Amino acid sequence: MFKNKNILVAGGTGLVGIQLVKLLNNLGGHVYVASLDKNSFKKNEVKKFFNLDLKNIDNCLKITRNVDIVFNLLGVTGSPQTNIKRPATFMMNNLYCAINLLYAAQKNNVKRYLYTSTYGVYNHSSVMKENSVWKTFPSENDKYAGWAKRMGELQVEAYRNEFKFKSLHIVRPANIYGPNMNFNPKSSMVIGSLIKKIFSKKKKIEVWGDGENIRDFIYSKDVAQFMINVMKKNIQEPINIGSGKGVKIKEIIDILLQSKQLKNKPQIIYNVKMPSGDKKRVLDISLAKKLKLTDNSTPLKIGLENTISWYLQNKRKLNNRFNFF
């Protein structure tokens, strides 16, 4: 399916994008990458790198010419703080990234297209199953990005009904973590923020909430492989990508504090007055298991150690930015 095909990975410098590019190269694809970030790939890793703003429709039309397959990993991820302080930026970046790229792909006769949604499209139910999305509204804690991503999903459905794609796919990942993630505490997801704080050499660090919130975490490389499996098996219904297991934020903190790479353990201060999102958000992955889309996933402790190692090796050159998938 991928060998000798021209494949565009939009948002290919993000934590999933970098892993996906490697896997597609191994499968013999001619990989193109588009991102606002700097070109972080070595020579011959990508056929061409586009450093373009994809909120601009003309740029989307440019990068999808002569492309067979598109993986759309565009979309800004962020913390509850981002949702509160920058809702317009949060929402509109996600909306433009969805609408423009699929429109351009259709105009340029792309045949296969995968859209990365988010588990933010779900309501605040404790366990989230694929067919429940349109029965409710997104959680108040995720409503701006959640509605934007829902519109992206609805566009995929509309284009499937009207235009001649060979395949259109929607995946809804849980909390993604791994190398190359955003570690800025002001805008990052929980694991990136915690690693940055705990390894800051400060004696005391603040964590928003009481640490009892439960989340579903999935390692970036596992997400990339899952996306490839979805396209290989031509699964055209929306599908969850996650571990299906709930982990308390306190448990993540305990694992990080036990890391052999941590020299001085800080005191953790839980600020219960600050927003920390919904109490429990875990994806139902029974459909993925039924369709045999899941491979052996990376154990949480191993994934966290890999992420810590990458952060410690690269923290001096990291910039503060929104993180793409």
C-alpha atoms as a PDB file:
ATOM      1  CA  MET A   1       0.000   0.000   0.000  1.00  0.00           C
ATOM      2  CA  PHE A   2       2.740   2.479   0.932  1.00  0.00           C
ATOM      3  CA  LYS A   3       5.673   1.350  -1.192  1.00  0.00           C
ATOM      4  CA  ASN A   4       6.661   3.952  -3.823  1.00  0.00           C
ATOM      5  CA  LYS A   5       3.642   6.099  -2.937  1.00  0.00           C
ATOM      6  CA  ASN A   6       3.910   9.844  -2.375  1.00  0.00           C
ATOM      7  CA  ILE A   7       2.825  10.305   1.236  1.00  0.00           C
ATOM      8  CA  LEU A   8       2.283  13.623   2.981  1.00  0.00           C
ATOM      9  CA  VAL A   9       2.563  13.773   6.778  1.00  0.00           C
ATOM     10  CA  ALA A  10       1.105  17.138   7.770  1.00  0.00           C
ATOM     11  CA  GLY A  11       2.360  18.061  11.216  1.00  0.00           C
ATOM     12  CA  GLY A  12       5.199  15.619  10.710  1.00  0.00           C
ATOM     13  CA  THR A  13       7.553  17.220  13.252  1.00  0.00           C
ATOM     14  CA  GLY A  14       5.276  16.408  16.208  1.00  0.00           C
ATOM     15  CA  LEU A  15       5.703  13.546  18.633  1.00  0.00           C
ATOM     16  CA  VAL A  16       3.605  11.141  16.521  1.00  0.00           C
ATOM     17  CA  GLY A  17       4.619  12.628  13.184  1.00  0.00           C
ATOM     18  CA  ILE A  18       8.317  11.904  13.627  1.00  0.00           C
ATOM     19  CA  GLN A  19       7.543   8.284  14.531  1.00  0.00           C
ATOM     20  CA  LEU A  20       5.159   7.943  11.591  1.00  0.00           C
ATOM     21  CA  VAL A  21       7.722   9.265   9.113  1.00  0.00           C
ATOM     22  CA  LYS A  22      10.210   6.606  10.257  1.00  0.00           C
ATOM     23  CA  LEU A  23       7.675   3.809   9.889  1.00  0.00           C
ATOM     24  CA  LEU A  24       6.570   4.982   6.433  1.00  0.00           C
ATOM     25  CA  ASN A  25      10.182   5.159   5.278  1.00  0.00           C
ATOM     26  CA  ASN A  26      10.653   1.565   6.409  1.00  0.00           C
ATOM     27  CA  LEU A  27       7.602   0.627   4.316  1.00  0.00           C
ATOM     28  CA  GLY A  28       9.148   2.165   1.182  1.00  0.00           C
ATOM     29  CA  GLY A  29       7.050   5.328   0.955  1.00  0.00           C
ATOM     30  CA  HIS A  30       8.218   8.638  -0.535  1.00  0.00           C
ATOM     31  CA  VAL A  31       7.528  10.842   2.477  1.00  0.00           C
ATOM     32  CA  TYR A  32       6.803  14.561   2.370  1.00  0.00           C
ATOM     33  CA  VAL A  33       6.476  16.578   5.594  1.00  0.00           C
ATOM     34  CA  ALA A  34       4.700  19.876   6.223  1.00  0.00           C
ATOM     35  CA  SER A  35       5.106  21.821   9.454  1.00  0.00           C
ATOM     36  CA  LEU A  36       5.688  25.285  10.880  1.00  0.00           C
ATOM     37  CA  ASP A  37       8.501  23.861  13.002  1.00  0.00           C
ATOM     38  CA  LYS A  38      12.070  23.665  11.777  1.00  0.00           C
ATOM     39  CA  ASN A  39      13.135  20.733   9.652  1.00  0.00           C
ATOM     40  CA  SER A  40      14.341  18.215  12.223  1.00  0.00           C
ATOM     41  CA  PHE A  41      14.917  15.376   9.762  1.00  0.00           C
ATOM     42  CA  LYS A  42      18.233  14.085   8.504  1.00  0.00           C
ATOM     43  CA  LYS A  43      19.125  13.971   4.836  1.00  0.00           C
ATOM     44  CA  ASN A  44      17.151  11.343   2.895  1.00  0.00           C
ATOM     45  CA  GLU A  45      14.614  10.875   5.731  1.00  0.00           C
ATOM     46  CA  VAL A  46      12.031  12.910   3.795  1.00  0.00           C
ATOM     47  CA  LYS A  47      11.684  13.582   0.088  1.00  0.00           C
ATOM     48  CA  LYS A  48      10.681  17.199   0.697  1.00  0.00           C
ATOM     49  CA  PHE A  49      10.019  19.431   3.703  1.00  0.00           C
ATOM     50  CA  PHE A  50       7.453  22.253   3.516  1.00  0.00           C
ATOM     51  CA  ASN A  51       7.857  24.958   6.136  1.00  0.00           C
ATOM     52  CA  LEU A  52       4.410  26.487   5.557  1.00  0.00           C
ATOM     53  CA  ASP A  53       1.438  27.785   7.520  1.00  0.00           C
ATOM     54  CA  LEU A  54      -1.384  25.387   6.685  1.00  0.00           C
ATOM     55  CA  LYS A  55      -4.073  27.761   7.902  1.00  0.00           C
ATOM     56  CA  ASN A  56      -3.543  29.216   4.421  1.00  0.00           C
ATOM     57  CA  ILE A  57      -5.559  27.281   1.836  1.00  0.00           C
ATOM     58  CA  ASP A  58      -3.097  28.037  -0.988  1.00  0.00           C
ATOM     59  CA  ASN A  59      -0.325  26.365   0.987  1.00  0.00           C
ATOM     60  CA  CYS A  60      -2.530  23.295   1.477  1.00  0.00           C
ATOM     61  CA  LEU A  61      -3.205  23.124  -2.249  1.00  0.00           C
ATOM     62  CA  LYS A  62       0.533  23.370  -2.924  1.00  0.00           C
ATOM     63  CA  ILE A  63       1.604  20.518  -0.655  1.00  0.00           C
ATOM     64  CA  THR A  64      -1.105  18.045  -1.750  1.00  0.00           C
ATOM     65  CA  ARG A  65      -0.261  18.149  -5.477  1.00  0.00           C
ATOM     66  CA  ASN A  66       0.830  14.743  -6.831  1.00  0.00           C
ATOM     67  CA  VAL A  67       0.266  13.124  -3.426  1.00  0.00           C
ATOM     68  CA  ASP A  68      -1.340   9.678  -3.081  1.00  0.00           C
ATOM     69  CA  ILE A  69      -1.836   9.490   0.685  1.00  0.00           C
ATOM     70  CA  VAL A  70      -2.248  12.139   3.398  1.00  0.00           C
ATOM     71  CA  PHE A  71      -1.861  11.683   7.141  1.00  0.00           C
ATOM     72  CA  ASN A  72      -3.301  14.799   8.789  1.00  0.00           C
ATOM     73  CA  LEU A  73      -1.650  15.106  12.203  1.00  0.00           C
ATOM     74  CA  LEU A  74      -2.274  18.830  12.367  1.00  0.00           C
ATOM     75  CA  GLY A  75      -4.039  20.261  15.363  1.00  0.00           C
ATOM     76  CA  VAL A  76      -2.877  22.005  18.475  1.00  0.00           C
ATOM     77  CA  THR A  77      -2.902  20.119  21.774  1.00  0.00           C
ATOM     78  CA  GLY A  78      -2.833  21.856  25.111  1.00  0.00           C
ATOM     79  CA  SER A  79      -3.534  21.956  28.810  1.00  0.00           C
ATOM     80  CA  PRO A  80      -6.693  23.089  30.674  1.00  0.00           C
ATOM     81  CA  GLN A  81      -4.885  26.406  31.109  1.00  0.00           C
ATOM     82  CA  THR A  82      -4.587  26.784  27.327  1.00  0.00           C
ATOM     83  CA  ASN A  83      -8.292  26.034  26.940  1.00  0.00           C
ATOM     84  CA  ILE A  84      -9.095  28.854  29.378  1.00  0.00           C
ATOM     85  CA  LYS A  85      -6.590  31.526  28.343  1.00  0.00           C
ATOM     86  CA  ARG A  86      -6.332  31.025  24.570  1.00  0.00           C
ATOM     87  CA  PRO A  87      -9.657  29.526  23.470  1.00  0.00           C
ATOM     88  CA  ALA A  88      -9.852  31.315  20.104  1.00  0.00           C
ATOM     89  CA  THR A  89      -6.313  30.337  19.100  1.00  0.00           C
ATOM     90  CA  PHE A  90      -6.922  26.807  20.349  1.00  0.00           C
ATOM     91  CA  MET A  91     -10.181  26.423  18.430  1.00  0.00           C
ATOM     92  CA  MET A  92      -9.369  28.156  15.171  1.00  0.00           C
ATOM     93  CA  ASN A  93      -5.969  26.526  14.627  1.00  0.00           C
ATOM     94  CA  ASN A  94      -7.628  23.129  14.929  1.00  0.00           C
ATOM     95  CA  LEU A  95     -10.522  24.134  12.687  1.00  0.00           C
ATOM     96  CA  TYR A  96      -8.440  25.629   9.875  1.00  0.00           C
ATOM     97  CA  CYS A  97      -6.010  22.687   9.946  1.00  0.00           C
ATOM     98  CA  ALA A  98      -8.910  20.292   9.456  1.00  0.00           C
ATOM     99  CA  ILE A  99     -10.998  22.083   6.858  1.00  0.00           C
ATOM    100  CA  ASN A 100      -8.280  23.393   4.547  1.00  0.00           C
ATOM    101  CA  LEU A 101      -6.229  20.244   4.162  1.00  0.00           C
ATOM    102  CA  LEU A 102      -9.087  17.882   3.300  1.00  0.00           C
ATOM    103  CA  TYR A 103     -10.505  20.436   0.843  1.00  0.00           C
ATOM    104  CA  ALA A 104      -7.094  20.667  -0.844  1.00  0.00           C
ATOM    105  CA  ALA A 105      -6.652  16.893  -0.861  1.00  0.00           C
ATOM    106  CA  GLN A 106      -9.975  16.441  -2.637  1.00  0.00           C
ATOM    107  CA  LYS A 107      -9.161  19.112  -5.198  1.00  0.00           C
ATOM    108  CA  ASN A 108      -5.821  17.419  -5.955  1.00  0.00           C
ATOM    109  CA  ASN A 109      -7.308  13.902  -6.185  1.00  0.00           C
ATOM    110  CA  VAL A 110      -5.610  12.411  -3.126  1.00  0.00           C
ATOM    111  CA  LYS A 111      -6.928   8.853  -2.786  1.00  0.00           C
ATOM    112  CA  ARG A 112      -6.350   7.980   0.873  1.00  0.00           C
ATOM    113  CA  TYR A 113      -6.618  10.359   3.831  1.00  0.00           C
ATOM    114  CA  LEU A 114      -6.393   9.963   7.599  1.00  0.00           C
ATOM    115  CA  TYR A 115      -7.665  12.633   9.985  1.00  0.00           C
ATOM    116  CA  THR A 116      -6.384  12.820  13.546  1.00  0.00           C
ATOM    117  CA  SER A 117      -9.196  13.843  15.841  1.00  0.00           C
ATOM    118  CA  THR A 118      -8.993  13.725  19.649  1.00  0.00           C
ATOM    119  CA  TYR A 119     -10.727  12.241  22.636  1.00  0.00           C
ATOM    120  CA  GLY A 120     -11.669  15.830  23.400  1.00  0.00           C
ATOM    121  CA  VAL A 121     -14.679  15.306  21.092  1.00  0.00           C
ATOM    122  CA  TYR A 122     -16.324  13.247  23.834  1.00  0.00           C
ATOM    123  CA  ASN A 123     -18.486  14.422  26.691  1.00  0.00           C
ATOM    124  CA  HIS A 124     -17.128  14.077  30.243  1.00  0.00           C
ATOM    125  CA  SER A 125     -18.296  10.455  30.593  1.00  0.00           C
ATOM    126  CA  SER A 126     -15.788   8.273  32.429  1.00  0.00           C
ATOM    127  CA  VAL A 127     -15.473   5.750  29.567  1.00  0.00           C
ATOM    128  CA  MET A 128     -15.745   6.949  25.977  1.00  0.00           C
ATOM    129  CA  LYS A 129     -17.094   4.705  23.217  1.00  0.00           C
ATOM    130  CA  GLU A 130     -16.979   5.653  19.527  1.00  0.00           C
ATOM    131  CA  ASN A 131     -20.712   5.692  18.805  1.00  0.00           C
ATOM    132  CA  SER A 132     -21.514   8.000  21.740  1.00  0.00           C
ATOM    133  CA  VAL A 133     -19.982  11.189  20.317  1.00  0.00           C
ATOM    134  CA  TRP A 134     -22.974  12.746  18.577  1.00  0.00           C
ATOM    135  CA  LYS A 135     -25.393  11.938  21.403  1.00  0.00           C
ATOM    136  CA  THR A 136     -23.787  14.586  23.626  1.00  0.00           C
ATOM    137  CA  PHE A 137     -21.701  17.769  23.573  1.00  0.00           C
ATOM    138  CA  PRO A 138     -17.934  17.933  24.229  1.00  0.00           C
ATOM    139  CA  SER A 139     -16.905  18.464  27.833  1.00  0.00           C
ATOM    140  CA  GLU A 140     -16.741  22.100  28.953  1.00  0.00           C
ATOM    141  CA  ASN A 141     -13.042  21.494  29.660  1.00  0.00           C
ATOM    142  CA  ASP A 142     -12.405  20.620  26.000  1.00  0.00           C
ATOM    143  CA  LYS A 143     -15.196  22.413  24.180  1.00  0.00           C
ATOM    144  CA  TYR A 144     -13.163  24.716  21.893  1.00  0.00           C
ATOM    145  CA  ALA A 145     -10.819  22.115  20.450  1.00  0.00           C
ATOM    146  CA  GLY A 146     -13.523  19.477  20.867  1.00  0.00           C
ATOM    147  CA  TRP A 147     -16.019  21.275  18.633  1.00  0.00           C
ATOM    148  CA  ALA A 148     -13.316  22.117  16.090  1.00  0.00           C
ATOM    149  CA  LYS A 149     -12.316  18.472  15.866  1.00  0.00           C
ATOM    150  CA  ARG A 150     -15.956  17.405  15.617  1.00  0.00           C
ATOM    151  CA  MET A 151     -16.347  19.695  12.604  1.00  0.00           C
ATOM    152  CA  GLY A 152     -13.281  18.060  11.084  1.00  0.00           C
ATOM    153  CA  GLU A 153     -14.872  14.660  11.579  1.00  0.00           C
ATOM    154  CA  LEU A 154     -18.152  15.849  10.072  1.00  0.00           C
ATOM    155  CA  GLN A 155     -16.269  17.139   7.037  1.00  0.00           C
ATOM    156  CA  VAL A 156     -14.688  13.700   6.559  1.00  0.00           C
ATOM    157  CA  GLU A 157     -18.143  12.124   6.681  1.00  0.00           C
ATOM    158  CA  ALA A 158     -19.518  14.599   4.138  1.00  0.00           C
ATOM    159  CA  TYR A 159     -16.573  14.120   1.766  1.00  0.00           C
ATOM    160  CA  ARG A 160     -16.900  10.346   2.028  1.00  0.00           C
ATOM    161  CA  ASN A 161     -20.524  10.616   0.906  1.00  0.00           C
ATOM    162  CA  GLU A 162     -19.874  12.988  -2.007  1.00  0.00           C
ATOM    163  CA  PHE A 163     -16.372  12.468  -3.382  1.00  0.00           C
ATOM    164  CA  LYS A 164     -14.379   9.531  -4.726  1.00  0.00           C
ATOM    165  CA  PHE A 165     -11.696   8.775  -2.157  1.00  0.00           C
ATOM    166  CA  LYS A 166     -10.498   5.178  -1.908  1.00  0.00           C
ATOM    167  CA  SER A 167     -10.473   5.579   1.843  1.00  0.00           C
ATOM    168  CA  LEU A 168     -11.073   8.186   4.536  1.00  0.00           C
ATOM    169  CA  HIS A 169     -10.176   7.475   8.149  1.00  0.00           C
ATOM    170  CA  ILE A 170     -10.719   9.097  11.557  1.00  0.00           C
ATOM    171  CA  VAL A 171      -8.697   8.235  14.656  1.00  0.00           C
ATOM    172  CA  ARG A 172      -9.300   9.586  18.172  1.00  0.00           C
ATOM    173  CA  PRO A 173      -6.162   9.331  20.320  1.00  0.00           C
ATOM    174  CA  ALA A 174      -6.051   9.530  24.099  1.00  0.00           C
ATOM    175  CA  ASN A 175      -3.314  11.517  25.906  1.00  0.00           C
ATOM    176  CA  ILE A 176      -0.222  11.029  23.748  1.00  0.00           C
ATOM    177  CA  TYR A 177       3.249  11.231  25.265  1.00  0.00           C
ATOM    178  CA  GLY A 178       6.783  10.471  24.135  1.00  0.00           C
ATOM    179  CA  PRO A 179       9.953  12.036  22.692  1.00  0.00           C
ATOM    180  CA  ASN A 180       9.482  15.374  20.906  1.00  0.00           C
ATOM    181  CA  MET A 181       6.418  16.333  22.942  1.00  0.00           C
ATOM    182  CA  ASN A 182       5.788  19.815  24.277  1.00  0.00           C
ATOM    183  CA  PHE A 183       7.352  20.366  27.713  1.00  0.00           C
ATOM    184  CA  ASN A 184       6.197  23.936  28.318  1.00  0.00           C
ATOM    185  CA  PRO A 185       4.151  23.853  31.586  1.00  0.00           C
ATOM    186  CA  LYS A 186       1.972  26.730  30.368  1.00  0.00           C
ATOM    187  CA  SER A 187       0.666  24.930  27.281  1.00  0.00           C
ATOM    188  CA  SER A 188       1.688  21.254  27.357  1.00  0.00           C
ATOM    189  CA  MET A 189      -0.315  18.167  28.206  1.00  0.00           C
ATOM    190  CA  VAL A 190       0.092  16.702  31.667  1.00  0.00           C
ATOM    191  CA  ILE A 191       3.105  14.389  31.196  1.00  0.00           C
ATOM    192  CA  GLY A 192       5.223  16.993  29.403  1.00  0.00           C
ATOM    193  CA  SER A 193       4.412  19.564  32.047  1.00  0.00           C
ATOM    194  CA  LEU A 194       5.191  17.180  34.925  1.00  0.00           C
ATOM    195  CA  ILE A 195       8.540  16.088  33.480  1.00  0.00           C
ATOM    196  CA  LYS A 196       9.590  19.697  32.971  1.00  0.00           C
ATOM    197  CA  LYS A 197       8.637  20.618  36.554  1.00  0.00           C
ATOM    198  CA  ILE A 198       9.999  17.540  38.334  1.00  0.00           C
ATOM    199  CA  PHE A 199      13.354  17.692  36.531  1.00  0.00           C
ATOM    200  CA  SER A 200      13.721  21.457  37.025  1.00  0.00           C
ATOM    201  CA  LYS A 201      15.887  21.037  40.170  1.00  0.00           C
ATOM    202  CA  LYS A 202      13.365  23.053  42.203  1.00  0.00           C
ATOM    203  CA  LYS A 203      12.758  21.917  45.770  1.00  0.00           C
ATOM    204  CA  LYS A 204       8.988  22.415  45.507  1.00  0.00           C
ATOM    205  CA  ILE A 205       6.694  22.214  42.494  1.00  0.00           C
ATOM    206  CA  GLU A 206       2.988  22.921  42.097  1.00  0.00           C
ATOM    207  CA  VAL A 207       0.527  20.555  40.435  1.00  0.00           C
ATOM    208  CA  TRP A 208      -2.963  21.729  39.556  1.00  0.00           C
ATOM    209  CA  GLY A 209      -5.743  19.657  41.143  1.00  0.00           C
ATOM    210  CA  ASP A 210      -5.514  16.913  43.737  1.00  0.00           C
ATOM    211  CA  GLY A 211      -3.770  14.321  41.559  1.00  0.00           C
ATOM    212  CA  GLU A 212      -6.791  12.011  41.605  1.00  0.00           C
ATOM    213  CA  ASN A 213      -7.828  12.757  38.020  1.00  0.00           C
ATOM    214  CA  ILE A 214      -7.698   9.656  35.841  1.00  0.00           C
ATOM    215  CA  ARG A 215      -6.454   9.669  32.256  1.00  0.00           C
ATOM    216  CA  ASP A 216      -5.692   7.246  29.421  1.00  0.00           C
ATOM    217  CA  PHE A 217      -2.099   7.490  28.128  1.00  0.00           C
ATOM    218  CA  ILE A 218      -0.644   6.126  24.894  1.00  0.00           C
ATOM    219  CA  TYR A 219       2.963   6.212  23.655  1.00  0.00           C
ATOM    220  CA  SER A 220       3.654   8.138  20.443  1.00  0.00           C
ATOM    221  CA  LYS A 221       5.222   5.281  18.473  1.00  0.00           C
ATOM    222  CA  ASP A 222       2.234   3.058  19.290  1.00  0.00           C
ATOM    223  CA  VAL A 223      -0.104   5.738  17.903  1.00  0.00           C
ATOM    224  CA  ALA A 224       1.891   5.950  14.661  1.00  0.00           C
ATOM    225  CA  GLN A 225       1.748   2.179  14.170  1.00  0.00           C
ATOM    226  CA  PHE A 226      -1.968   2.179  14.929  1.00  0.00           C
ATOM    227  CA  MET A 227      -2.561   4.770  12.197  1.00  0.00           C
ATOM    228  CA  ILE A 228      -0.745   2.622   9.668  1.00  0.00           C
ATOM    229  CA  ASN A 229      -2.781  -0.416  10.728  1.00  0.00           C
ATOM    230  CA  VAL A 230      -6.039   1.526  10.314  1.00  0.00           C
ATOM    231  CA  MET A 231      -5.127   2.466   6.749  1.00  0.00           C
ATOM    232  CA  LYS A 232      -3.831  -1.013   5.882  1.00  0.00           C
ATOM    233  CA  LYS A 233      -7.077  -2.633   7.054  1.00  0.00           C
ATOM    234  CA  ASN A 234      -9.178   0.137   5.502  1.00  0.00           C
ATOM    235  CA  ILE A 235     -11.131   0.874   8.687  1.00  0.00           C
ATOM    236  CA  GLN A 236     -13.324   3.800   7.715  1.00  0.00           C
ATOM    237  CA  GLU A 237     -15.327   4.262  10.888  1.00  0.00           C
ATOM    238  CA  PRO A 238     -14.011   6.545  13.666  1.00  0.00           C
ATOM    239  CA  ILE A 239     -11.863   4.588  16.086  1.00  0.00           C
ATOM    240  CA  ASN A 240     -10.245   5.193  19.476  1.00  0.00           C
ATOM    241  CA  ILE A 241      -6.492   4.935  20.046  1.00  0.00           C
ATOM    242  CA  GLY A 242      -5.593   4.416  23.683  1.00  0.00           C
ATOM    243  CA  SER A 243      -4.565   1.955  26.340  1.00  0.00           C
ATOM    244  CA  GLY A 244      -8.107   1.537  27.648  1.00  0.00           C
ATOM    245  CA  LYS A 245      -6.641   1.815  31.154  1.00  0.00           C
ATOM    246  CA  GLY A 246      -7.113   4.676  33.569  1.00  0.00           C
ATOM    247  CA  VAL A 247      -4.084   6.046  35.433  1.00  0.00           C
ATOM    248  CA  LYS A 248      -4.211   8.657  38.186  1.00  0.00           C
ATOM    249  CA  ILE A 249      -2.045  11.728  37.807  1.00  0.00           C
ATOM    250  CA  LYS A 250      -0.564  10.855  41.209  1.00  0.00           C
ATOM    251  CA  GLU A 251       0.568   7.512  39.774  1.00  0.00           C
ATOM    252  CA  ILE A 252       2.355   9.286  36.931  1.00  0.00           C
ATOM    253  CA  ILE A 253       4.058  11.560  39.449  1.00  0.00           C
ATOM    254  CA  ASP A 254       5.155   8.567  41.540  1.00  0.00           C
ATOM    255  CA  ILE A 255       6.694   6.867  38.495  1.00  0.00           C
ATOM    256  CA  LEU A 256       8.564  10.052  37.559  1.00  0.00           C
ATOM    257  CA  LEU A 257       9.837  10.505  41.115  1.00  0.00           C
ATOM    258  CA  GLN A 258      11.173   6.931  41.072  1.00  0.00           C
ATOM    259  CA  SER A 259      13.138   7.485  37.865  1.00  0.00           C
ATOM    260  CA  LYS A 260      16.848   6.658  38.136  1.00  0.00           C
ATOM    261  CA  GLN A 261      17.483   9.764  36.028  1.00  0.00           C
ATOM    262  CA  LEU A 262      16.145  12.058  38.774  1.00  0.00           C
ATOM    263  CA  LYS A 263      18.859  13.258  41.141  1.00  0.00           C
ATOM    264  CA  ASN A 264      16.824  15.335  43.595  1.00  0.00           C
ATOM    265  CA  LYS A 265      13.170  14.655  44.368  1.00  0.00           C
ATOM    266  CA  PRO A 266      11.084  17.819  44.742  1.00  0.00           C
ATOM    267  CA  GLN A 267       8.205  18.244  47.164  1.00  0.00           C
ATOM    268  CA  ILE A 268       4.856  18.045  45.335  1.00  0.00           C
ATOM    269  CA  ILE A 269       2.266  20.661  46.278  1.00  0.00           C
ATOM    270  CA  TYR A 270      -1.243  20.005  44.990  1.00  0.00           C
ATOM    271  CA  ASN A 271      -3.219  23.177  44.316  1.00  0.00           C
ATOM    272  CA  VAL A 272      -6.862  22.066  44.479  1.00  0.00           C
ATOM    273  CA  LYS A 273      -8.109  25.576  43.707  1.00  0.00           C
ATOM    274  CA  MET A 274      -6.798  25.460  40.142  1.00  0.00           C
ATOM    275  CA  PRO A 275      -8.620  23.775  37.215  1.00  0.00           C
ATOM    276  CA  SER A 276      -7.488  20.278  36.298  1.00  0.00           C
ATOM    277  CA  GLY A 277     -10.115  19.055  33.836  1.00  0.00           C
ATOM    278  CA  ASP A 278     -12.601  16.196  34.111  1.00  0.00           C
ATOM    279  CA  LYS A 279     -12.172  13.642  36.878  1.00  0.00           C
ATOM    280  CA  LYS A 280     -11.961  10.611  34.606  1.00  0.00           C
ATOM    281  CA  ARG A 281     -11.426  10.182  30.864  1.00  0.00           C
ATOM    282  CA  VAL A 282     -10.661   6.695  29.547  1.00  0.00           C
ATOM    283  CA  LEU A 283     -11.190   5.441  26.010  1.00  0.00           C
ATOM    284  CA  ASP A 284     -13.127   2.275  25.256  1.00  0.00           C
ATOM    285  CA  ILE A 285     -10.810   0.353  22.893  1.00  0.00           C
ATOM    286  CA  SER A 286     -12.969  -2.765  22.466  1.00  0.00           C
ATOM    287  CA  LEU A 287     -13.517  -1.948  18.765  1.00  0.00           C
ATOM    288  CA  ALA A 288      -9.770  -1.681  18.133  1.00  0.00           C
ATOM    289  CA  LYS A 289      -9.257  -5.053  19.822  1.00  0.00           C
ATOM    290  CA  LYS A 290     -12.090  -6.618  17.830  1.00  0.00           C
ATOM    291  CA  LEU A 291     -10.568  -5.361  14.570  1.00  0.00           C
ATOM    292  CA  LYS A 292      -7.114  -6.537  15.707  1.00  0.00           C
ATOM    293  CA  LEU A 293      -5.585  -3.094  15.274  1.00  0.00           C
ATOM    294  CA  THR A 294      -3.593  -3.046  18.490  1.00  0.00           C
ATOM    295  CA  ASP A 295      -0.040  -4.342  18.659  1.00  0.00           C
ATOM    296  CA  ASN A 296       1.951  -4.875  21.827  1.00  0.00           C
ATOM    297  CA  SER A 297       1.817  -1.425  23.362  1.00  0.00           C
ATOM    298  CA  THR A 298       4.725   0.194  25.182  1.00  0.00           C
ATOM    299  CA  PRO A 299       4.487  -0.247  28.983  1.00  0.00           C
ATOM    300  CA  LEU A 300       3.910   3.074  30.747  1.00  0.00           C
ATOM    301  CA  LYS A 301       7.103   2.965  32.826  1.00  0.00           C
ATOM    302  CA  ILE A 302       9.270   2.251  29.779  1.00  0.00           C
ATOM    303  CA  GLY A 303       7.557   4.948  27.740  1.00  0.00           C
ATOM    304  CA  LEU A 304       8.035   7.491  30.518  1.00  0.00           C
ATOM    305  CA  GLU A 305      11.737   6.634  30.906  1.00  0.00           C
ATOM    306  CA  ASN A 306      12.213   7.043  27.138  1.00  0.00           C
ATOM    307  CA  THR A 307      10.471  10.409  27.291  1.00  0.00           C
ATOM    308  CA  ILE A 308      12.569  11.568  30.253  1.00  0.00           C
ATOM    309  CA  SER A 309      15.775  10.554  28.470  1.00  0.00           C
ATOM    310  CA  TRP A 310      14.827  12.490  25.356  1.00  0.00           C
ATOM    311  CA  TYR A 311      13.891  15.548  27.397  1.00  0.00           C
ATOM    312  CA  LEU A 312      17.148  15.578  29.351  1.00  0.00           C
ATOM    313  CA  GLN A 313      19.178  15.233  26.158  1.00  0.00           C
ATOM    314  CA  ASN A 314      17.307  18.000  24.332  1.00  0.00           C
ATOM    315  CA  LYS A 315      16.019  20.448  26.949  1.00  0.00           C
ATOM    316  CA  ARG A 316      18.565  23.172  26.156  1.00  0.00           C
ATOM    317  CA  LYS A 317      17.363  23.525  22.583  1.00  0.00           C
ATOM    318  CA  LEU A 318      13.647  23.123  23.212  1.00  0.00           C
ATOM    319  CA  ASN A 319      11.479  26.114  22.405  1.00  0.00           C
ATOM    320  CA  ASN A 320       8.106  26.998  23.876  1.00  0.00           C
ATOM    321  CA  ARG A 321       5.394  26.152  21.390  1.00  0.00           C
ATOM    322  CA  PHE A 322       2.111  24.393  20.954  1.00  0.00           C
ATOM    323  CA  ASN A 323       2.632  20.722  20.333  1.00  0.00           C
ATOM    324  CA  PHE A 324       1.355  18.981  17.233  1.00  0.00           C
ATOM    325  CA  PHE A 325       0.392  15.297  17.180  1.00  0.00           C
END
